[in-house]
Amino acid sequence: MKTLLERRNTINEEITKLNQEVLAKRELFLKVQGIIEYLSEIGVTLEEPQSSEETPPQEDPEIEG
């Protein structure tokens, strides 16, 4: 019985920590989402990626052993 009570308390503490992490991640998500919306409203856009024809292929460096 004592072991079960200790286990229950440990699980409860883990749940509390996880809930705190979820709240922090949710807050960060909302901030980032707000920044994205703001930048979109003021006209900031992503640069178009360069086509593969314009950039030379990357060569793998040789590994000397």
PDB file of N, CA and C in Angstrom:
ATOM      1  N   MET A   1       0.824  -1.200   0.000  1.00  0.00           N
ATOM      2  CA  MET A   1       0.000   0.000   0.000  1.00  0.00           C
ATOM      3  C   MET A   1       0.869   1.266   0.000  1.00  0.00           C
ATOM      4  N   LYS A   2       1.934   1.263   0.786  1.00  0.00           N
ATOM      5  CA  LYS A   2       2.816   2.418   0.855  1.00  0.00           C
ATOM      6  C   LYS A   2       3.446   2.692  -0.512  1.00  0.00           C
ATOM      7  N   THR A   3       3.859   1.635  -1.182  1.00  0.00           N
ATOM      8  CA  THR A   3       4.463   1.774  -2.499  1.00  0.00           C
ATOM      9  C   THR A   3       3.471   2.372  -3.493  1.00  0.00           C
ATOM     10  N   LEU A   4       2.234   1.943  -3.420  1.00  0.00           N
ATOM     11  CA  LEU A   4       1.209   2.459  -4.324  1.00  0.00           C
ATOM     12  C   LEU A   4       0.945   3.946  -4.071  1.00  0.00           C
ATOM     13  N   LEU A   5       0.933   4.351  -2.817  1.00  0.00           N
ATOM     14  CA  LEU A   5       0.727   5.758  -2.493  1.00  0.00           C
ATOM     15  C   LEU A   5       1.889   6.619  -2.998  1.00  0.00           C
ATOM     16  N   GLU A   6       3.103   6.102  -2.842  1.00  0.00           N
ATOM     17  CA  GLU A   6       4.271   6.829  -3.336  1.00  0.00           C
ATOM     18  C   GLU A   6       4.228   6.936  -4.859  1.00  0.00           C
ATOM     19  N   ARG A   7       3.839   5.842  -5.484  1.00  0.00           N
ATOM     20  CA  ARG A   7       3.746   5.830  -6.950  1.00  0.00           C
ATOM     21  C   ARG A   7       2.693   6.837  -7.427  1.00  0.00           C
ATOM     22  N   ARG A   8       1.554   6.882  -6.734  1.00  0.00           N
ATOM     23  CA  ARG A   8       0.495   7.820  -7.079  1.00  0.00           C
ATOM     24  C   ARG A   8       1.002   9.250  -6.969  1.00  0.00           C
ATOM     25  N   ASN A   9       1.730   9.559  -5.908  1.00  0.00           N
ATOM     26  CA  ASN A   9       2.268  10.909  -5.716  1.00  0.00           C
ATOM     27  C   ASN A   9       3.275  11.261  -6.814  1.00  0.00           C
ATOM     28  N   THR A  10       4.101  10.307  -7.172  1.00  0.00           N
ATOM     29  CA  THR A  10       5.078  10.530  -8.239  1.00  0.00           C
ATOM     30  C   THR A  10       4.383  10.813  -9.561  1.00  0.00           C
ATOM     31  N   ILE A  11       3.369  10.029  -9.871  1.00  0.00           N
ATOM     32  CA  ILE A  11       2.616  10.229 -11.109  1.00  0.00           C
ATOM     33  C   ILE A  11       1.922  11.587 -11.092  1.00  0.00           C
ATOM     34  N   ASN A  12       1.370  11.957  -9.960  1.00  0.00           N
ATOM     35  CA  ASN A  12       0.712  13.252  -9.841  1.00  0.00           C
ATOM     36  C   ASN A  12       1.698  14.390 -10.084  1.00  0.00           C
ATOM     37  N   GLU A  13       2.899  14.284  -9.555  1.00  0.00           N
ATOM     38  CA  GLU A  13       3.927  15.300  -9.774  1.00  0.00           C
ATOM     39  C   GLU A  13       4.322  15.368 -11.249  1.00  0.00           C
ATOM     40  N   GLU A  14       4.437  14.218 -11.893  1.00  0.00           N
ATOM     41  CA  GLU A  14       4.775  14.181 -13.312  1.00  0.00           C
ATOM     42  C   GLU A  14       3.685  14.843 -14.146  1.00  0.00           C
ATOM     43  N   ILE A  15       2.438  14.577 -13.810  1.00  0.00           N
ATOM     44  CA  ILE A  15       1.310  15.182 -14.523  1.00  0.00           C
ATOM     45  C   ILE A  15       1.332  16.695 -14.358  1.00  0.00           C
ATOM     46  N   THR A  16       1.619  17.159 -13.165  1.00  0.00           N
ATOM     47  CA  THR A  16       1.686  18.600 -12.913  1.00  0.00           C
ATOM     48  C   THR A  16       2.777  19.241 -13.759  1.00  0.00           C
ATOM     49  N   LYS A  17       3.949  18.607 -13.820  1.00  0.00           N
ATOM     50  CA  LYS A  17       5.046  19.135 -14.634  1.00  0.00           C
ATOM     51  C   LYS A  17       4.674  19.150 -16.110  1.00  0.00           C
ATOM     52  N   LEU A  18       4.044  18.082 -16.569  1.00  0.00           N
ATOM     53  CA  LEU A  18       3.643  18.016 -17.978  1.00  0.00           C
ATOM     54  C   LEU A  18       2.614  19.091 -18.311  1.00  0.00           C
ATOM     55  N   ASN A  19       1.680  19.318 -17.402  1.00  0.00           N
ATOM     56  CA  ASN A  19       0.682  20.369 -17.620  1.00  0.00           C
ATOM     57  C   ASN A  19       1.340  21.741 -17.713  1.00  0.00           C
ATOM     58  N   GLN A  20       2.355  21.975 -16.886  1.00  0.00           N
ATOM     59  CA  GLN A  20       3.076  23.243 -16.936  1.00  0.00           C
ATOM     60  C   GLN A  20       3.804  23.396 -18.270  1.00  0.00           C
ATOM     61  N   GLU A  21       4.397  22.297 -18.759  1.00  0.00           N
ATOM     62  CA  GLU A  21       5.077  22.334 -20.042  1.00  0.00           C
ATOM     63  C   GLU A  21       4.092  22.614 -21.176  1.00  0.00           C
ATOM     64  N   VAL A  22       2.922  21.993 -21.102  1.00  0.00           N
ATOM     65  CA  VAL A  22       1.895  22.213 -22.122  1.00  0.00           C
ATOM     66  C   VAL A  22       1.478  23.674 -22.136  1.00  0.00           C
ATOM     67  N   LEU A  23       1.267  24.256 -20.981  1.00  0.00           N
ATOM     68  CA  LEU A  23       0.876  25.665 -20.905  1.00  0.00           C
ATOM     69  C   LEU A  23       1.953  26.568 -21.490  1.00  0.00           C
ATOM     70  N   ALA A  24       3.212  26.275 -21.189  1.00  0.00           N
ATOM     71  CA  ALA A  24       4.312  27.086 -21.712  1.00  0.00           C
ATOM     72  C   ALA A  24       4.404  26.950 -23.229  1.00  0.00           C
ATOM     73  N   LYS A  25       4.257  25.741 -23.739  1.00  0.00           N
ATOM     74  CA  LYS A  25       4.307  25.524 -25.189  1.00  0.00           C
ATOM     75  C   LYS A  25       3.127  26.199 -25.882  1.00  0.00           C
ATOM     76  N   ARG A  26       1.947  26.139 -25.270  1.00  0.00           N
ATOM     77  CA  ARG A  26       0.773  26.781 -25.849  1.00  0.00           C
ATOM     78  C   ARG A  26       0.988  28.288 -25.930  1.00  0.00           C
ATOM     79  N   GLU A  27       1.548  28.867 -24.863  1.00  0.00           N
ATOM     80  CA  GLU A  27       1.818  30.303 -24.849  1.00  0.00           C
ATOM     81  C   GLU A  27       2.816  30.677 -25.940  1.00  0.00           C
ATOM     82  N   LEU A  28       3.876  29.890 -26.086  1.00  0.00           N
ATOM     83  CA  LEU A  28       4.865  30.137 -27.121  1.00  0.00           C
ATOM     84  C   LEU A  28       4.239  30.006 -28.503  1.00  0.00           C
ATOM     85  N   PHE A  29       3.411  28.993 -28.696  1.00  0.00           N
ATOM     86  CA  PHE A  29       2.721  28.804 -29.968  1.00  0.00           C
ATOM     87  C   PHE A  29       1.875  30.018 -30.320  1.00  0.00           C
ATOM     88  N   LEU A  30       1.122  30.510 -29.354  1.00  0.00           N
ATOM     89  CA  LEU A  30       0.250  31.657 -29.608  1.00  0.00           C
ATOM     90  C   LEU A  30       1.054  32.911 -29.939  1.00  0.00           C
ATOM     91  N   LYS A  31       2.198  33.094 -29.280  1.00  0.00           N
ATOM     92  CA  LYS A  31       3.059  34.238 -29.577  1.00  0.00           C
ATOM     93  C   LYS A  31       3.585  34.157 -31.005  1.00  0.00           C
ATOM     94  N   VAL A  32       4.077  32.978 -31.377  1.00  0.00           N
ATOM     95  CA  VAL A  32       4.619  32.800 -32.721  1.00  0.00           C
ATOM     96  C   VAL A  32       3.520  32.981 -33.761  1.00  0.00           C
ATOM     97  N   GLN A  33       2.345  32.436 -33.487  1.00  0.00           N
ATOM     98  CA  GLN A  33       1.231  32.584 -34.409  1.00  0.00           C
ATOM     99  C   GLN A  33       0.857  34.063 -34.574  1.00  0.00           C
ATOM    100  N   GLY A  34       0.865  34.798 -33.486  1.00  0.00           N
ATOM    101  CA  GLY A  34       0.572  36.219 -33.542  1.00  0.00           C
ATOM    102  C   GLY A  34       1.605  36.984 -34.353  1.00  0.00           C
ATOM    103  N   ILE A  35       2.863  36.626 -34.189  1.00  0.00           N
ATOM    104  CA  ILE A  35       3.926  37.276 -34.955  1.00  0.00           C
ATOM    105  C   ILE A  35       3.754  36.994 -36.444  1.00  0.00           C
ATOM    106  N   ILE A  36       3.432  35.751 -36.778  1.00  0.00           N
ATOM    107  CA  ILE A  36       3.217  35.387 -38.179  1.00  0.00           C
ATOM    108  C   ILE A  36       2.056  36.181 -38.759  1.00  0.00           C
ATOM    109  N   GLU A  37       0.966  36.270 -38.019  1.00  0.00           N
ATOM    110  CA  GLU A  37      -0.197  37.024 -38.494  1.00  0.00           C
ATOM    111  C   GLU A  37       0.146  38.506 -38.675  1.00  0.00           C
ATOM    112  N   TYR A  38       0.891  39.068 -37.733  1.00  0.00           N
ATOM    113  CA  TYR A  38       1.290  40.476 -37.827  1.00  0.00           C
ATOM    114  C   TYR A  38       2.149  40.706 -39.063  1.00  0.00           C
ATOM    115  N   LEU A  39       3.154  39.860 -39.258  1.00  0.00           N
ATOM    116  CA  LEU A  39       4.038  40.022 -40.404  1.00  0.00           C
ATOM    117  C   LEU A  39       3.273  39.870 -41.717  1.00  0.00           C
ATOM    118  N   SER A  40       2.316  38.955 -41.751  1.00  0.00           N
ATOM    119  CA  SER A  40       1.501  38.781 -42.955  1.00  0.00           C
ATOM    120  C   SER A  40       0.672  40.030 -43.230  1.00  0.00           C
ATOM    121  N   GLU A  41       0.132  40.632 -42.179  1.00  0.00           N
ATOM    122  CA  GLU A  41      -0.697  41.827 -42.338  1.00  0.00           C
ATOM    123  C   GLU A  41       0.092  43.024 -42.851  1.00  0.00           C
ATOM    124  N   ILE A  42       1.364  43.114 -42.470  1.00  0.00           N
ATOM    125  CA  ILE A  42       2.154  44.263 -42.924  1.00  0.00           C
ATOM    126  C   ILE A  42       2.868  43.977 -44.245  1.00  0.00           C
ATOM    127  N   GLY A  43       2.620  42.805 -44.814  1.00  0.00           N
ATOM    128  CA  GLY A  43       3.130  42.513 -46.153  1.00  0.00           C
ATOM    129  C   GLY A  43       4.445  41.777 -46.226  1.00  0.00           C
ATOM    130  N   VAL A  44       4.933  41.265 -45.132  1.00  0.00           N
ATOM    131  CA  VAL A  44       6.181  40.506 -45.157  1.00  0.00           C
ATOM    132  C   VAL A  44       5.884  39.129 -45.739  1.00  0.00           C
ATOM    133  N   THR A  45       6.697  38.719 -46.725  1.00  0.00           N
ATOM    134  CA  THR A  45       6.523  37.404 -47.335  1.00  0.00           C
ATOM    135  C   THR A  45       7.831  36.649 -47.320  1.00  0.00           C
ATOM    136  N   LEU A  46       7.747  35.361 -47.536  1.00  0.00           N
ATOM    137  CA  LEU A  46       8.947  34.533 -47.630  1.00  0.00           C
ATOM    138  C   LEU A  46       9.589  34.744 -48.988  1.00  0.00           C
ATOM    139  N   GLU A  47      10.907  34.713 -49.009  1.00  0.00           N
ATOM    140  CA  GLU A  47      11.603  34.789 -50.286  1.00  0.00           C
ATOM    141  C   GLU A  47      11.388  33.477 -51.021  1.00  0.00           C
ATOM    142  N   GLU A  48      11.274  33.564 -52.343  1.00  0.00           N
ATOM    143  CA  GLU A  48      11.120  32.353 -53.136  1.00  0.00           C
ATOM    144  C   GLU A  48      12.441  31.599 -53.112  1.00  0.00           C
ATOM    145  N   PRO A  49      12.390  30.292 -52.895  1.00  0.00           N
ATOM    146  CA  PRO A  49      13.650  29.532 -52.918  1.00  0.00           C
ATOM    147  C   PRO A  49      14.240  29.528 -54.319  1.00  0.00           C
ATOM    148  N   GLN A  50      15.552  29.532 -54.383  1.00  0.00           N
ATOM    149  CA  GLN A  50      16.215  29.517 -55.685  1.00  0.00           C
ATOM    150  C   GLN A  50      15.976  28.163 -56.327  1.00  0.00           C
ATOM    151  N   SER A  51      15.839  28.176 -57.651  1.00  0.00           N
ATOM    152  CA  SER A  51      15.641  26.901 -58.345  1.00  0.00           C
ATOM    153  C   SER A  51      16.945  26.132 -58.340  1.00  0.00           C
ATOM    154  N   SER A  52      16.856  24.826 -58.473  1.00  0.00           N
ATOM    155  CA  SER A  52      18.041  23.985 -58.414  1.00  0.00           C
ATOM    156  C   SER A  52      18.958  24.230 -59.609  1.00  0.00           C
ATOM    157  N   GLU A  53      18.436  24.815 -60.702  1.00  0.00           N
ATOM    158  CA  GLU A  53      19.257  25.101 -61.869  1.00  0.00           C
ATOM    159  C   GLU A  53      20.235  26.232 -61.599  1.00  0.00           C
ATOM    160  N   GLU A  54      19.878  27.152 -60.708  1.00  0.00           N
ATOM    161  CA  GLU A  54      20.721  28.310 -60.443  1.00  0.00           C
ATOM    162  C   GLU A  54      21.855  27.998 -59.475  1.00  0.00           C
ATOM    163  N   THR A  55      21.674  27.006 -58.639  1.00  0.00           N
ATOM    164  CA  THR A  55      22.695  26.693 -57.644  1.00  0.00           C
ATOM    165  C   THR A  55      23.434  25.429 -58.061  1.00  0.00           C
ATOM    166  N   PRO A  56      24.769  25.459 -58.018  1.00  0.00           N
ATOM    167  CA  PRO A  56      25.524  24.257 -58.386  1.00  0.00           C
ATOM    168  C   PRO A  56      25.320  23.170 -57.339  1.00  0.00           C
ATOM    169  N   PRO A  57      25.367  21.919 -57.754  1.00  0.00           N
ATOM    170  CA  PRO A  57      25.171  20.832 -56.779  1.00  0.00           C
ATOM    171  C   PRO A  57      26.310  20.803 -55.778  1.00  0.00           C
ATOM    172  N   GLN A  58      25.969  20.446 -54.550  1.00  0.00           N
ATOM    173  CA  GLN A  58      26.969  20.343 -53.497  1.00  0.00           C
ATOM    174  C   GLN A  58      27.687  19.002 -53.637  1.00  0.00           C
ATOM    175  N   GLU A  59      29.018  19.057 -53.559  1.00  0.00           N
ATOM    176  CA  GLU A  59      29.782  17.810 -53.618  1.00  0.00           C
ATOM    177  C   GLU A  59      30.074  17.362 -52.208  1.00  0.00           C
ATOM    178  N   ASP A  60      30.021  16.045 -52.002  1.00  0.00           N
ATOM    179  CA  ASP A  60      30.353  15.491 -50.690  1.00  0.00           C
ATOM    180  C   ASP A  60      31.853  15.541 -50.507  1.00  0.00           C
ATOM    181  N   PRO A  61      32.304  16.035 -49.352  1.00  0.00           N
ATOM    182  CA  PRO A  61      33.757  16.048 -49.118  1.00  0.00           C
ATOM    183  C   PRO A  61      34.267  14.617 -48.966  1.00  0.00           C
ATOM    184  N   GLU A  62      35.465  14.401 -49.486  1.00  0.00           N
ATOM    185  CA  GLU A  62      36.032  13.065 -49.373  1.00  0.00           C
ATOM    186  C   GLU A  62      36.530  12.850 -47.954  1.00  0.00           C
ATOM    187  N   ILE A  63      36.297  11.657 -47.472  1.00  0.00           N
ATOM    188  CA  ILE A  63      36.725  11.306 -46.123  1.00  0.00           C
ATOM    189  C   ILE A  63      38.043  10.548 -46.244  1.00  0.00           C
ATOM    190  N   GLU A  64      39.065  11.124 -45.627  1.00  0.00           N
ATOM    191  CA  GLU A  64      40.371  10.480 -45.665  1.00  0.00           C
ATOM    192  C   GLU A  64      40.538   9.599 -44.444  1.00  0.00           C
ATOM    193  N   GLY A  65      41.019   8.398 -44.638  1.00  0.00           N
ATOM    194  CA  GLY A  65      41.087   7.466 -43.530  1.00  0.00           C
ATOM    195  C   GLY A  65      42.416   7.104 -43.122  1.00  0.00           C
TER     196      GLY A  65
END
